Amino acid sequence: MPGHTLQKYLTSWPLWAGLLVLAFLWLGPLPAMSRRAFSPHMILHLAVTSLAAPLIVAGLLRSGVAVRISRQHTLFAVGASIFELAVVWGWHLPELHQAAALDDTVYVAQQLSFLAAGIAIWWASFAGMTKVAYAIGGLALVLTFVHMAMLGLLIGIAPELIYEPSICLGAFGFDPLEDQHFGGSLMAVVGGTPYLIAGIFLLNKFISEHG
């Protein structure tokens, strides 16, 4: 029995790694910084959705806690994609971004919704039990990369501050506008890359199994 328990913990190691990443992110300096400057907000957002969330999903799937989906997988993947897009674009609207920066309750809701959206899209993409699910999951992840790159590009090339100066003070030696551009670049290039790589992996898996 002890050996079985140890094996279970070892199998689900990504889950514990993801939870440790979350603890480091949410209990560290980034939350306070993210409410005063844009790039720390983006670093926190991307680390939650692109690092912690897939680790948690991988751990849950490996341990059997999160069920794999055999029926209506397409519907689930489409719903997860729409939810993730709405969360990401919605919280970067000036009004909602400012509300989260100024109100503790709204900020907590923002961070929890980032985590929920990340878990939803990664689970929907990797929980399918059929060959076709590889294609559906791959497309969902590639589309996530595309919309994140678009939003990051829009923020990264904006000629002036999109958000209130009081919550965009600059960080890491950047002035406020440079900091906003840096945050947008992080989303466009760094944040979307895990989705693109995972999406290509699933699409290649689909193609190889239908070759």
C-alpha atoms as a PDB file:
ATOM      1  CA  MET A   1       0.000   0.000   0.000  1.00  0.00           C
ATOM      2  CA  PRO A   2       2.738   2.580   0.826  1.00  0.00           C
ATOM      3  CA  GLY A   3       4.451   1.710  -2.460  1.00  0.00           C
ATOM      4  CA  HIS A   4       1.185   2.187  -4.340  1.00  0.00           C
ATOM      5  CA  THR A   5       0.663   5.586  -2.692  1.00  0.00           C
ATOM      6  CA  LEU A   6       4.213   6.657  -3.559  1.00  0.00           C
ATOM      7  CA  GLN A   7       3.702   5.536  -7.154  1.00  0.00           C
ATOM      8  CA  LYS A   8       0.506   7.576  -7.338  1.00  0.00           C
ATOM      9  CA  TYR A   9       2.289  10.696  -6.124  1.00  0.00           C
ATOM     10  CA  LEU A  10       5.149  10.141  -8.563  1.00  0.00           C
ATOM     11  CA  THR A  11       2.718   9.653 -11.431  1.00  0.00           C
ATOM     12  CA  SER A  12       0.932  12.919 -10.682  1.00  0.00           C
ATOM     13  CA  TRP A  13       4.127  14.969 -10.156  1.00  0.00           C
ATOM     14  CA  PRO A  14       3.059  17.617 -12.729  1.00  0.00           C
ATOM     15  CA  LEU A  15       0.081  18.452 -10.515  1.00  0.00           C
ATOM     16  CA  TRP A  16       2.284  19.193  -7.525  1.00  0.00           C
ATOM     17  CA  ALA A  17       4.701  21.127  -9.716  1.00  0.00           C
ATOM     18  CA  GLY A  18       1.827  23.224 -11.049  1.00  0.00           C
ATOM     19  CA  LEU A  19       0.533  23.944  -7.556  1.00  0.00           C
ATOM     20  CA  LEU A  20       4.028  24.967  -6.446  1.00  0.00           C
ATOM     21  CA  VAL A  21       4.258  27.316  -9.431  1.00  0.00           C
ATOM     22  CA  LEU A  22       0.915  28.839  -8.461  1.00  0.00           C
ATOM     23  CA  ALA A  23       2.051  29.310  -4.870  1.00  0.00           C
ATOM     24  CA  PHE A  24       5.236  31.002  -6.039  1.00  0.00           C
ATOM     25  CA  LEU A  25       3.283  33.270  -8.395  1.00  0.00           C
ATOM     26  CA  TRP A  26       0.400  34.257  -6.129  1.00  0.00           C
ATOM     27  CA  LEU A  27       2.348  34.487  -2.854  1.00  0.00           C
ATOM     28  CA  GLY A  28       5.355  36.263  -4.336  1.00  0.00           C
ATOM     29  CA  PRO A  29       5.890  39.887  -5.368  1.00  0.00           C
ATOM     30  CA  LEU A  30       4.152  39.700  -8.749  1.00  0.00           C
ATOM     31  CA  PRO A  31       0.549  40.290  -7.568  1.00  0.00           C
ATOM     32  CA  ALA A  32       1.425  43.636  -5.971  1.00  0.00           C
ATOM     33  CA  MET A  33       3.622  44.616  -8.902  1.00  0.00           C
ATOM     34  CA  SER A  34       0.970  43.615 -11.433  1.00  0.00           C
ATOM     35  CA  ARG A  35      -1.476  46.143  -9.979  1.00  0.00           C
ATOM     36  CA  ARG A  36       0.975  49.001 -10.581  1.00  0.00           C
ATOM     37  CA  ALA A  37       2.599  48.090 -13.891  1.00  0.00           C
ATOM     38  CA  PHE A  38       1.601  46.202 -17.018  1.00  0.00           C
ATOM     39  CA  SER A  39       4.489  43.831 -17.714  1.00  0.00           C
ATOM     40  CA  PRO A  40       4.369  42.193 -14.240  1.00  0.00           C
ATOM     41  CA  HIS A  41       0.648  41.670 -14.826  1.00  0.00           C
ATOM     42  CA  MET A  42       1.427  39.960 -18.114  1.00  0.00           C
ATOM     43  CA  ILE A  43       4.180  37.812 -16.627  1.00  0.00           C
ATOM     44  CA  LEU A  44       1.777  36.655 -13.906  1.00  0.00           C
ATOM     45  CA  HIS A  45      -1.059  36.049 -16.359  1.00  0.00           C
ATOM     46  CA  LEU A  46       1.075  34.050 -18.786  1.00  0.00           C
ATOM     47  CA  ALA A  47       2.748  31.990 -16.066  1.00  0.00           C
ATOM     48  CA  VAL A  48      -0.651  31.011 -14.648  1.00  0.00           C
ATOM     49  CA  THR A  49      -2.215  30.069 -18.001  1.00  0.00           C
ATOM     50  CA  SER A  50       0.778  28.765 -19.942  1.00  0.00           C
ATOM     51  CA  LEU A  51       2.826  27.090 -17.200  1.00  0.00           C
ATOM     52  CA  ALA A  52       0.826  26.316 -14.056  1.00  0.00           C
ATOM     53  CA  ALA A  53      -2.413  25.342 -15.835  1.00  0.00           C
ATOM     54  CA  PRO A  54      -0.932  22.747 -18.240  1.00  0.00           C
ATOM     55  CA  LEU A  55       1.106  21.215 -15.419  1.00  0.00           C
ATOM     56  CA  ILE A  56      -2.015  20.876 -13.279  1.00  0.00           C
ATOM     57  CA  VAL A  57      -3.980  19.348 -16.154  1.00  0.00           C
ATOM     58  CA  ALA A  58      -1.175  16.911 -16.961  1.00  0.00           C
ATOM     59  CA  GLY A  59      -1.019  15.814 -13.332  1.00  0.00           C
ATOM     60  CA  LEU A  60      -4.774  15.356 -13.073  1.00  0.00           C
ATOM     61  CA  LEU A  61      -4.929  13.346 -16.300  1.00  0.00           C
ATOM     62  CA  ARG A  62      -1.962  11.174 -15.320  1.00  0.00           C
ATOM     63  CA  SER A  63      -3.483  10.428 -11.931  1.00  0.00           C
ATOM     64  CA  GLY A  64      -6.917   9.719 -13.380  1.00  0.00           C
ATOM     65  CA  VAL A  65      -8.609  12.443 -11.337  1.00  0.00           C
ATOM     66  CA  ALA A  66      -9.563  14.430 -14.452  1.00  0.00           C
ATOM     67  CA  VAL A  67     -11.673  12.273 -16.754  1.00  0.00           C
ATOM     68  CA  ARG A  68     -10.858  11.868 -20.396  1.00  0.00           C
ATOM     69  CA  ILE A  69     -13.588  12.846 -22.809  1.00  0.00           C
ATOM     70  CA  SER A  70     -14.954  10.447 -25.405  1.00  0.00           C
ATOM     71  CA  ARG A  71     -18.303  12.021 -26.261  1.00  0.00           C
ATOM     72  CA  GLN A  72     -19.095  15.558 -27.364  1.00  0.00           C
ATOM     73  CA  HIS A  73     -15.403  16.414 -27.246  1.00  0.00           C
ATOM     74  CA  THR A  74     -15.803  18.919 -30.083  1.00  0.00           C
ATOM     75  CA  LEU A  75     -18.469  20.818 -28.148  1.00  0.00           C
ATOM     76  CA  PHE A  76     -16.305  20.889 -25.043  1.00  0.00           C
ATOM     77  CA  ALA A  77     -13.242  22.097 -26.977  1.00  0.00           C
ATOM     78  CA  VAL A  78     -15.225  24.847 -28.718  1.00  0.00           C
ATOM     79  CA  GLY A  79     -16.731  25.970 -25.424  1.00  0.00           C
ATOM     80  CA  ALA A  80     -13.327  25.997 -23.705  1.00  0.00           C
ATOM     81  CA  SER A  81     -11.823  28.002 -26.576  1.00  0.00           C
ATOM     82  CA  ILE A  82     -14.591  30.605 -26.452  1.00  0.00           C
ATOM     83  CA  PHE A  83     -14.348  30.850 -22.671  1.00  0.00           C
ATOM     84  CA  GLU A  84     -10.552  31.263 -22.795  1.00  0.00           C
ATOM     85  CA  LEU A  85     -10.770  33.935 -25.503  1.00  0.00           C
ATOM     86  CA  ALA A  86     -13.446  35.864 -23.593  1.00  0.00           C
ATOM     87  CA  VAL A  87     -11.444  35.755 -20.355  1.00  0.00           C
ATOM     88  CA  VAL A  88      -8.173  36.888 -21.947  1.00  0.00           C
ATOM     89  CA  TRP A  89      -9.603  39.662 -24.109  1.00  0.00           C
ATOM     90  CA  GLY A  90     -12.166  40.710 -21.507  1.00  0.00           C
ATOM     91  CA  TRP A  91      -9.689  41.272 -18.676  1.00  0.00           C
ATOM     92  CA  HIS A  92      -7.494  43.355 -20.978  1.00  0.00           C
ATOM     93  CA  LEU A  93     -10.244  45.829 -21.724  1.00  0.00           C
ATOM     94  CA  PRO A  94      -9.200  49.088 -20.029  1.00  0.00           C
ATOM     95  CA  GLU A  95     -12.222  49.180 -17.720  1.00  0.00           C
ATOM     96  CA  LEU A  96     -11.859  45.614 -16.431  1.00  0.00           C
ATOM     97  CA  HIS A  97      -8.072  45.792 -16.190  1.00  0.00           C
ATOM     98  CA  GLN A  98      -8.354  48.947 -14.095  1.00  0.00           C
ATOM     99  CA  ALA A  99     -11.095  47.462 -11.913  1.00  0.00           C
ATOM    100  CA  ALA A 100      -8.915  44.445 -11.135  1.00  0.00           C
ATOM    101  CA  ALA A 101      -5.957  46.665 -10.291  1.00  0.00           C
ATOM    102  CA  LEU A 102      -7.968  48.786  -7.859  1.00  0.00           C
ATOM    103  CA  ASP A 103     -10.306  46.272  -6.198  1.00  0.00           C
ATOM    104  CA  ASP A 104      -9.146  43.185  -4.284  1.00  0.00           C
ATOM    105  CA  THR A 105     -12.259  41.135  -5.008  1.00  0.00           C
ATOM    106  CA  VAL A 106     -12.147  41.859  -8.726  1.00  0.00           C
ATOM    107  CA  TYR A 107      -8.436  41.064  -8.759  1.00  0.00           C
ATOM    108  CA  VAL A 108      -9.030  37.652  -7.175  1.00  0.00           C
ATOM    109  CA  ALA A 109     -11.795  36.978  -9.714  1.00  0.00           C
ATOM    110  CA  GLN A 110      -9.422  37.928 -12.521  1.00  0.00           C
ATOM    111  CA  GLN A 111      -6.684  35.582 -11.353  1.00  0.00           C
ATOM    112  CA  LEU A 112      -9.059  32.676 -10.722  1.00  0.00           C
ATOM    113  CA  SER A 113     -10.644  33.127 -14.145  1.00  0.00           C
ATOM    114  CA  PHE A 114      -7.192  33.105 -15.772  1.00  0.00           C
ATOM    115  CA  LEU A 115      -6.482  29.797 -14.051  1.00  0.00           C
ATOM    116  CA  ALA A 116      -9.902  28.372 -14.950  1.00  0.00           C
ATOM    117  CA  ALA A 117      -9.533  29.402 -18.594  1.00  0.00           C
ATOM    118  CA  GLY A 118      -6.053  27.899 -18.763  1.00  0.00           C
ATOM    119  CA  ILE A 119      -7.176  24.610 -17.227  1.00  0.00           C
ATOM    120  CA  ALA A 120     -10.218  24.481 -19.526  1.00  0.00           C
ATOM    121  CA  ILE A 121      -8.299  24.929 -22.785  1.00  0.00           C
ATOM    122  CA  TRP A 122      -5.479  22.543 -21.864  1.00  0.00           C
ATOM    123  CA  TRP A 123      -7.904  19.920 -20.558  1.00  0.00           C
ATOM    124  CA  ALA A 124     -10.132  20.216 -23.628  1.00  0.00           C
ATOM    125  CA  SER A 125      -7.116  19.841 -25.902  1.00  0.00           C
ATOM    126  CA  PHE A 126      -5.502  16.820 -24.237  1.00  0.00           C
ATOM    127  CA  ALA A 127      -8.429  14.936 -22.695  1.00  0.00           C
ATOM    128  CA  GLY A 128      -9.864  13.572 -25.939  1.00  0.00           C
ATOM    129  CA  MET A 129      -9.932   9.792 -26.338  1.00  0.00           C
ATOM    130  CA  THR A 130     -10.216   9.556 -30.121  1.00  0.00           C
ATOM    131  CA  LYS A 131      -7.854  10.244 -33.011  1.00  0.00           C
ATOM    132  CA  VAL A 132     -10.084  13.055 -34.230  1.00  0.00           C
ATOM    133  CA  ALA A 133      -9.725  14.637 -30.790  1.00  0.00           C
ATOM    134  CA  TYR A 134      -6.045  15.204 -31.548  1.00  0.00           C
ATOM    135  CA  ALA A 135      -7.038  17.417 -34.466  1.00  0.00           C
ATOM    136  CA  ILE A 136      -9.705  19.231 -32.462  1.00  0.00           C
ATOM    137  CA  GLY A 137      -7.351  19.832 -29.556  1.00  0.00           C
ATOM    138  CA  GLY A 138      -4.555  20.904 -31.859  1.00  0.00           C
ATOM    139  CA  LEU A 139      -6.753  23.420 -33.642  1.00  0.00           C
ATOM    140  CA  ALA A 140      -8.025  24.790 -30.319  1.00  0.00           C
ATOM    141  CA  LEU A 141      -4.467  25.394 -29.144  1.00  0.00           C
ATOM    142  CA  VAL A 142      -3.326  26.949 -32.426  1.00  0.00           C
ATOM    143  CA  LEU A 143      -6.328  29.290 -32.399  1.00  0.00           C
ATOM    144  CA  THR A 144      -5.456  30.232 -28.816  1.00  0.00           C
ATOM    145  CA  PHE A 145      -1.937  31.099 -29.979  1.00  0.00           C
ATOM    146  CA  VAL A 146      -3.355  33.222 -32.814  1.00  0.00           C
ATOM    147  CA  HIS A 147      -5.703  35.305 -30.684  1.00  0.00           C
ATOM    148  CA  MET A 148      -3.085  35.803 -27.973  1.00  0.00           C
ATOM    149  CA  ALA A 149      -0.548  36.910 -30.568  1.00  0.00           C
ATOM    150  CA  MET A 150      -3.085  39.346 -32.021  1.00  0.00           C
ATOM    151  CA  LEU A 151      -3.906  40.874 -28.637  1.00  0.00           C
ATOM    152  CA  GLY A 152      -0.256  41.060 -27.667  1.00  0.00           C
ATOM    153  CA  LEU A 153       0.585  42.751 -30.951  1.00  0.00           C
ATOM    154  CA  LEU A 154      -2.174  45.326 -30.501  1.00  0.00           C
ATOM    155  CA  ILE A 155      -0.913  46.154 -27.015  1.00  0.00           C
ATOM    156  CA  GLY A 156       2.722  46.018 -28.053  1.00  0.00           C
ATOM    157  CA  ILE A 157       2.420  48.561 -30.865  1.00  0.00           C
ATOM    158  CA  ALA A 158      -0.086  50.944 -29.266  1.00  0.00           C
ATOM    159  CA  PRO A 159       1.286  54.492 -29.684  1.00  0.00           C
ATOM    160  CA  GLU A 160       0.096  55.575 -26.236  1.00  0.00           C
ATOM    161  CA  LEU A 161      -0.946  54.109 -22.902  1.00  0.00           C
ATOM    162  CA  ILE A 162      -4.087  52.010 -23.112  1.00  0.00           C
ATOM    163  CA  TYR A 163      -4.586  51.916 -19.364  1.00  0.00           C
ATOM    164  CA  GLU A 164      -4.702  54.569 -16.655  1.00  0.00           C
ATOM    165  CA  PRO A 165      -1.257  56.010 -15.828  1.00  0.00           C
ATOM    166  CA  SER A 166      -1.861  55.336 -12.123  1.00  0.00           C
ATOM    167  CA  ILE A 167      -1.773  51.567 -12.744  1.00  0.00           C
ATOM    168  CA  CYS A 168       0.906  51.709 -15.457  1.00  0.00           C
ATOM    169  CA  LEU A 169       3.883  53.129 -13.622  1.00  0.00           C
ATOM    170  CA  GLY A 170       6.490  51.074 -15.444  1.00  0.00           C
ATOM    171  CA  ALA A 171       8.699  48.256 -14.167  1.00  0.00           C
ATOM    172  CA  PHE A 172      12.090  46.625 -14.696  1.00  0.00           C
ATOM    173  CA  GLY A 173      13.598  49.945 -15.734  1.00  0.00           C
ATOM    174  CA  PHE A 174      10.998  50.638 -18.430  1.00  0.00           C
ATOM    175  CA  ASP A 175       8.960  53.813 -18.549  1.00  0.00           C
ATOM    176  CA  PRO A 176       5.162  53.271 -18.629  1.00  0.00           C
ATOM    177  CA  LEU A 177       4.782  53.068 -22.421  1.00  0.00           C
ATOM    178  CA  GLU A 178       7.865  50.894 -22.831  1.00  0.00           C
ATOM    179  CA  ASP A 179       6.549  48.644 -20.073  1.00  0.00           C
ATOM    180  CA  GLN A 180       3.215  48.305 -21.857  1.00  0.00           C
ATOM    181  CA  HIS A 181       5.008  47.449 -25.108  1.00  0.00           C
ATOM    182  CA  PHE A 182       7.161  44.899 -23.261  1.00  0.00           C
ATOM    183  CA  GLY A 183       4.080  43.258 -21.764  1.00  0.00           C
ATOM    184  CA  GLY A 184       2.370  43.091 -25.152  1.00  0.00           C
ATOM    185  CA  SER A 185       5.492  41.558 -26.696  1.00  0.00           C
ATOM    186  CA  LEU A 186       5.581  38.927 -23.964  1.00  0.00           C
ATOM    187  CA  MET A 187       2.015  37.925 -24.777  1.00  0.00           C
ATOM    188  CA  ALA A 188       2.567  37.915 -28.538  1.00  0.00           C
ATOM    189  CA  VAL A 189       5.814  35.936 -28.526  1.00  0.00           C
ATOM    190  CA  VAL A 190       6.413  34.117 -25.248  1.00  0.00           C
ATOM    191  CA  GLY A 191       2.899  33.524 -23.946  1.00  0.00           C
ATOM    192  CA  GLY A 192       1.488  31.996 -27.095  1.00  0.00           C
ATOM    193  CA  THR A 193       4.451  29.759 -27.878  1.00  0.00           C
ATOM    194  CA  PRO A 194       3.471  26.846 -25.562  1.00  0.00           C
ATOM    195  CA  TYR A 195       0.037  26.742 -27.213  1.00  0.00           C
ATOM    196  CA  LEU A 196       1.570  26.711 -30.685  1.00  0.00           C
ATOM    197  CA  ILE A 197       4.064  23.967 -29.835  1.00  0.00           C
ATOM    198  CA  ALA A 198       1.405  21.811 -28.147  1.00  0.00           C
ATOM    199  CA  GLY A 199      -1.038  22.430 -30.992  1.00  0.00           C
ATOM    200  CA  ILE A 200       1.498  21.378 -33.619  1.00  0.00           C
ATOM    201  CA  PHE A 201       2.302  18.286 -31.542  1.00  0.00           C
ATOM    202  CA  LEU A 202      -1.353  17.210 -31.477  1.00  0.00           C
ATOM    203  CA  LEU A 203      -1.922  17.973 -35.169  1.00  0.00           C
ATOM    204  CA  ASN A 204       1.204  16.021 -36.084  1.00  0.00           C
ATOM    205  CA  LYS A 205      -0.050  13.138 -33.929  1.00  0.00           C
ATOM    206  CA  PHE A 206      -3.365  13.212 -35.807  1.00  0.00           C
ATOM    207  CA  ILE A 207      -1.637  13.272 -39.197  1.00  0.00           C
ATOM    208  CA  SER A 208       0.789  10.470 -38.307  1.00  0.00           C
ATOM    209  CA  GLU A 209      -2.038   8.213 -37.134  1.00  0.00           C
ATOM    210  CA  HIS A 210      -3.980   8.845 -40.351  1.00  0.00           C
ATOM    211  CA  GLY A 211      -0.996   8.472 -42.662  1.00  0.00           C
END
